[in-house]
Structures are given as C-alpha cells and as structure tokens.
Amino acid sequence: MTERSATRVRLLAIDTAADLCAACVRDTDGGERGRSVLDLGKGHAEHLMGVIEAALREAGCGFSDLDAVAVSVGPGSFTGVRVGVAAARGLALALGIPAVGVSTLEALAREARDASPGRPVVARIEAGRGQVYLAGFSAAGEATFGPVALDAAAAEDVIGKAGEDAVLATGKTADIATYARIGAERLASGAAIGRPKPLYLREADARPQDAFALPRKAGA
C-alpha cells in the first residue's frame, strides 16, 4: 500500500467488453501506473480479479488506495459486459468509491479524435448477425447520434451522410488507458454519475429453446 496525497486520485479501469480482459491504474499525479491485459476471447469471469490484482501490483498500490472505478459498459459481448460491470459495481460498493461507465463506442471515438483532432467521428463495431453498432460524435466529443444497432446497409448509409470530414473509428474495443482517461475526466467534471449499467442495443444471441421445453405438469 502506498501513501495517498491530498490531491491524488487513483482510478482503476476495467474492460471485458470484447476479447480482452484488461485493467489499468491511473492517477492524477502521473497518468498510468500499471496495467494487465489478457487476450482471452472467453473466460473473463475466471481471470478478471487476477488481471486487476496484477495491475495493482505494477502500480504499487492496493484496493484500499483506489478512489474510483471505470468500466466499459458495451456494446460488446453480452457475457463480458456483465462480468465487467458486476465487478466494478461490487468493488465500488465494497470500497465506498464511485464507479463510472464508459461505452466502447465512445472510447473508440476518443482514440480517433486524438489521432485526428478537429474532426467529427463515427464509431463502428461489428455486432454479428449482419448488424453494426454505431454512434456519432462531434469534433468536441459530444454525441450526435446513437448508439444504435443497424443492419450493415443502413449503417453504411448513415456513415455516408456523416460527410467526408468524418473519421471512421472501427474495432472491438479501445485501449484500457482510454477508458481510464474518460472515466477520470468524467469524475473530475463534477457531473452526476449513476451506477454503471450494461449498454445492450439488441437482444442476446442466446435465447431459450422453447421447442425443447418439456410440457408442465397439471397443477405445477
């Protein structure tokens, strides 16, 4: 455990919305202090706490040194998003600290805006089943449309209407440090922050197989 300064704010960021199981520690004194990232695909629930602990060790701090938690809330893997959000909310409750949610589309757009400042951004994530998750952001980072789930043809039409100046940001998720930066900025802004919730833009791929359900017995 390290000594906490009067002004330092240490934030833990978590991302399990896609294939990566990632965590990093960021503070206001020196930026990123430690990180741990595993490319899993699946199995986030089994590995997340180990990844968090590895990031804390590299940062030279413990859970009690944390002042806030940021977490990717999707859209992305339904199971992965639930794992990350549940962990963030659990840690926030246990430690008595705030938790803030950051969407994957917002994080992708932030990275694109940093690379191409002064330009609007359309963030796109392939959602499978012929669909696309889409959101638009102004050059200042303000949301202009979405997030929405569209079929591929409709998504291309929306992207085309965004104009030639718009940057297209694609991928499954952003770097874990981006979630930490956005989370820290949101907390510093003083804006009201509710508990993070999964951002679902469509129904889950896995559904009950009614055709295989056994008939209920009379009186059951």
Protein backbone atom coordinates (compact mmCIF):
# COMPACT_ATOMS: atom_id res chain seq x y z
CA MET A 1 0.00 0.00 0.00
CA THR A 2 1.27 3.46 -0.88
CA GLU A 3 0.78 6.79 0.86
CA ARG A 4 -2.05 8.81 -0.65
CA SER A 5 -1.54 12.51 -1.27
CA ALA A 6 -4.26 15.04 -0.56
CA THR A 7 -4.90 15.71 -4.23
CA ARG A 8 -4.09 12.39 -5.89
CA VAL A 9 -6.99 10.43 -7.34
CA ARG A 10 -6.30 6.81 -8.24
CA LEU A 11 -8.71 5.17 -10.65
CA LEU A 12 -8.96 1.51 -11.67
CA ALA A 13 -10.27 0.91 -15.20
CA ILE A 14 -11.72 -2.45 -16.30
CA ASP A 15 -12.59 -3.68 -19.80
CA THR A 16 -14.13 -7.07 -20.54
CA ALA A 17 -16.49 -5.99 -23.34
CA ALA A 18 -14.65 -7.86 -26.11
CA ASP A 19 -11.86 -10.47 -26.35
CA LEU A 20 -9.54 -8.67 -23.94
CA CYS A 21 -9.62 -8.92 -20.17
CA ALA A 22 -7.89 -5.68 -19.22
CA ALA A 23 -7.27 -3.47 -16.21
CA CYS A 24 -5.12 -0.45 -15.51
CA VAL A 25 -4.49 2.02 -12.69
CA ARG A 26 -4.32 5.72 -13.48
CA ASP A 27 -3.74 8.63 -11.13
CA THR A 28 -3.82 12.39 -11.44
CA ASP A 29 -0.18 12.71 -10.40
CA GLY A 30 1.39 10.75 -13.22
CA GLY A 31 -1.06 9.09 -15.56
CA GLU A 32 -1.00 5.32 -15.98
CA ARG A 33 0.79 3.48 -13.19
CA GLY A 34 0.17 -0.16 -14.02
CA ARG A 35 -1.75 -2.43 -16.37
CA SER A 36 -2.50 -6.06 -17.10
CA VAL A 37 -4.12 -7.36 -20.31
CA LEU A 38 -5.04 -10.90 -21.38
CA ASP A 39 -6.41 -11.79 -24.83
CA LEU A 40 -8.96 -14.42 -23.82
CA GLY A 41 -11.97 -14.39 -26.09
CA LYS A 42 -13.92 -16.07 -23.30
CA GLY A 43 -13.47 -16.81 -19.62
CA HIS A 44 -13.36 -13.23 -18.35
CA ALA A 45 -15.07 -14.10 -15.07
CA GLU A 46 -12.35 -16.60 -14.14
CA HIS A 47 -9.46 -14.23 -14.88
CA LEU A 48 -10.66 -10.70 -14.14
CA MET A 49 -9.69 -10.49 -10.47
CA GLY A 50 -6.22 -11.84 -11.26
CA VAL A 51 -5.82 -9.24 -14.01
CA ILE A 52 -6.93 -6.47 -11.63
CA GLU A 53 -4.52 -7.63 -8.93
CA ALA A 54 -1.65 -7.73 -11.45
CA ALA A 55 -2.38 -4.13 -12.49
CA LEU A 56 -2.47 -3.05 -8.85
CA ARG A 57 0.85 -4.76 -8.14
CA GLU A 58 2.53 -2.99 -11.05
CA ALA A 59 1.08 0.29 -9.82
CA GLY A 60 2.39 -0.37 -6.31
CA CYS A 61 -0.96 0.03 -4.62
CA GLY A 62 -3.80 -1.99 -3.16
CA PHE A 63 -7.59 -1.95 -3.35
CA SER A 64 -7.80 0.43 -0.37
CA ASP A 65 -5.74 3.02 -2.31
CA LEU A 66 -8.36 3.33 -5.05
CA ASP A 67 -10.61 6.38 -5.30
CA ALA A 68 -12.82 5.32 -8.23
CA VAL A 69 -13.52 2.59 -10.79
CA ALA A 70 -14.26 2.97 -14.51
CA VAL A 71 -15.64 0.15 -16.63
CA SER A 72 -16.53 -0.45 -20.26
CA VAL A 73 -20.29 -0.95 -20.45
CA GLY A 74 -20.55 -2.06 -24.08
CA PRO A 75 -21.89 -2.56 -26.58
CA GLY A 76 -19.93 -5.77 -26.96
CA SER A 77 -20.02 -9.31 -25.63
CA PHE A 78 -23.15 -9.72 -23.51
CA THR A 79 -21.41 -12.01 -21.03
CA GLY A 80 -18.20 -9.98 -20.97
CA VAL A 81 -20.02 -6.70 -20.35
CA ARG A 82 -21.99 -8.23 -17.47
CA VAL A 83 -18.80 -9.55 -15.87
CA GLY A 84 -17.02 -6.20 -16.01
CA VAL A 85 -19.96 -4.11 -14.83
CA ALA A 86 -20.71 -6.51 -11.95
CA ALA A 87 -17.07 -6.40 -10.84
CA ALA A 88 -16.92 -2.59 -11.00
CA ARG A 89 -20.14 -2.19 -9.04
CA GLY A 90 -19.04 -4.76 -6.48
CA LEU A 91 -15.68 -3.08 -5.93
CA ALA A 92 -17.28 0.35 -5.71
CA LEU A 93 -19.75 -0.86 -3.09
CA ALA A 94 -17.12 -2.69 -1.05
CA LEU A 95 -14.64 0.20 -1.11
CA GLY A 96 -17.15 3.02 -0.82
CA ILE A 97 -15.96 4.72 -4.01
CA PRO A 98 -17.75 5.88 -7.20
CA ALA A 99 -17.96 3.78 -10.35
CA VAL A 100 -18.40 5.27 -13.81
CA GLY A 101 -19.38 3.56 -17.05
CA VAL A 102 -17.79 4.31 -20.43
CA SER A 103 -19.15 2.95 -23.71
CA THR A 104 -16.88 1.11 -26.12
CA LEU A 105 -18.09 3.34 -28.96
CA GLU A 106 -17.21 6.47 -27.01
CA ALA A 107 -13.75 5.10 -26.22
CA LEU A 108 -13.07 4.18 -29.86
CA ALA A 109 -14.21 7.65 -30.93
CA ARG A 110 -11.94 9.28 -28.36
CA GLU A 111 -8.89 7.49 -29.77
CA ALA A 112 -9.82 8.51 -33.31
CA ARG A 113 -10.38 12.12 -32.24
CA ASP A 114 -7.00 12.19 -30.51
CA ALA A 115 -5.37 10.95 -33.72
CA SER A 116 -7.34 13.37 -35.93
CA PRO A 117 -8.23 16.42 -33.80
CA GLY A 118 -10.86 18.85 -35.02
CA ARG A 119 -12.86 16.27 -36.95
CA PRO A 120 -16.17 14.53 -36.19
CA VAL A 121 -16.09 10.77 -35.62
CA VAL A 122 -18.36 7.85 -36.39
CA ALA A 123 -17.55 4.82 -34.24
CA ARG A 124 -18.43 1.39 -35.60
CA ILE A 125 -18.31 -2.09 -34.03
CA GLU A 126 -19.28 -5.23 -35.93
CA ALA A 127 -22.14 -6.83 -34.00
CA GLY A 128 -22.57 -10.09 -35.93
CA ARG A 129 -25.80 -11.38 -37.48
CA GLY A 130 -25.40 -8.75 -40.21
CA GLN A 131 -25.63 -5.87 -37.75
CA VAL A 132 -23.40 -2.98 -36.74
CA TYR A 133 -23.22 -0.89 -33.56
CA LEU A 134 -22.85 2.76 -34.48
CA ALA A 135 -22.52 6.14 -32.76
CA GLY A 136 -21.57 9.63 -33.94
CA PHE A 137 -19.57 12.29 -32.13
CA SER A 138 -18.77 15.92 -32.91
CA ALA A 139 -15.23 17.25 -33.15
CA ALA A 140 -15.61 18.29 -29.50
CA GLY A 141 -16.63 14.79 -28.45
CA GLU A 142 -20.34 15.42 -27.98
CA ALA A 143 -22.73 12.66 -29.08
CA THR A 144 -24.52 13.47 -32.34
CA PHE A 145 -26.43 10.21 -32.84
CA GLY A 146 -26.72 6.74 -31.40
CA PRO A 147 -25.64 4.45 -30.03
CA VAL A 148 -27.76 2.22 -32.24
CA ALA A 149 -27.75 -1.25 -33.76
CA LEU A 150 -28.33 -1.15 -37.53
CA ASP A 151 -28.14 -3.60 -40.38
CA ALA A 152 -24.99 -3.25 -42.47
CA ALA A 153 -26.70 -1.42 -45.35
CA ALA A 154 -28.34 1.13 -43.06
CA ALA A 155 -25.05 1.65 -41.24
CA GLU A 156 -23.23 2.42 -44.49
CA ASP A 157 -25.93 4.94 -45.37
CA VAL A 158 -25.55 6.70 -42.00
CA ILE A 159 -21.76 6.73 -42.31
CA GLY A 160 -22.02 8.23 -45.80
CA LYS A 161 -24.25 11.04 -44.53
CA ALA A 162 -21.70 11.91 -41.83
CA GLY A 163 -19.64 13.66 -44.51
CA GLU A 164 -16.15 13.31 -45.95
CA ASP A 165 -14.59 15.10 -42.99
CA ALA A 166 -15.80 12.49 -40.51
CA VAL A 167 -13.31 9.91 -39.23
CA LEU A 168 -14.49 6.30 -39.11
CA ALA A 169 -13.31 4.54 -35.93
CA THR A 170 -13.57 0.77 -36.02
CA GLY A 171 -12.58 -2.08 -33.75
CA LYS A 172 -13.90 -4.26 -30.93
CA THR A 173 -12.73 -2.09 -28.05
CA ALA A 174 -10.26 0.66 -27.16
CA ASP A 175 -7.03 0.55 -25.19
CA ILE A 176 -7.68 0.19 -21.47
CA ALA A 177 -5.93 3.54 -20.81
CA THR A 178 -8.61 5.30 -22.85
CA TYR A 179 -11.36 4.07 -20.53
CA ALA A 180 -9.29 5.28 -17.57
CA ARG A 181 -8.82 8.74 -19.09
CA ILE A 182 -12.50 9.19 -19.92
CA GLY A 183 -13.55 7.91 -16.52
CA ALA A 184 -11.17 10.26 -14.72
CA GLU A 185 -12.34 13.24 -16.78
CA ARG A 186 -15.98 12.44 -16.11
CA LEU A 187 -15.38 12.24 -12.38
CA ALA A 188 -13.37 15.48 -12.40
CA SER A 189 -16.16 17.30 -14.26
CA GLY A 190 -18.43 17.05 -11.24
CA ALA A 191 -21.32 15.75 -13.36
CA ALA A 192 -23.85 13.48 -11.70
CA ILE A 193 -22.81 9.84 -12.12
CA GLY A 194 -25.18 6.92 -11.72
CA ARG A 195 -24.20 3.30 -11.27
CA PRO A 196 -22.77 1.81 -14.47
CA LYS A 197 -25.21 -0.38 -16.41
CA PRO A 198 -24.61 -2.69 -19.39
CA LEU A 199 -25.34 -0.99 -22.71
CA TYR A 200 -27.37 -3.52 -24.69
CA LEU A 201 -28.52 -2.43 -28.14
CA ARG A 202 -30.22 -5.69 -29.07
CA GLU A 203 -31.35 -8.94 -27.51
CA ALA A 204 -28.76 -11.53 -26.52
CA ASP A 205 -27.73 -14.11 -29.12
CA ALA A 206 -28.51 -16.96 -26.73
CA ARG A 207 -32.23 -17.48 -26.26
CA PRO A 208 -34.32 -20.18 -24.52
CA GLN A 209 -35.05 -23.06 -26.87
CA ASP A 210 -38.82 -23.25 -26.44
CA ALA A 211 -39.06 -26.12 -28.89
CA PHE A 212 -37.16 -28.34 -26.47
CA ALA A 213 -39.04 -27.30 -23.33
CA LEU A 214 -40.88 -30.07 -21.52
CA PRO A 215 -44.61 -29.57 -21.00
CA ARG A 216 -45.55 -28.51 -17.49
CA LYS A 217 -47.48 -30.95 -15.40
CA ALA A 218 -51.02 -30.07 -14.42
CA GLY A 219 -51.06 -28.08 -11.21
CA ALA A 220 -47.34 -27.22 -11.42
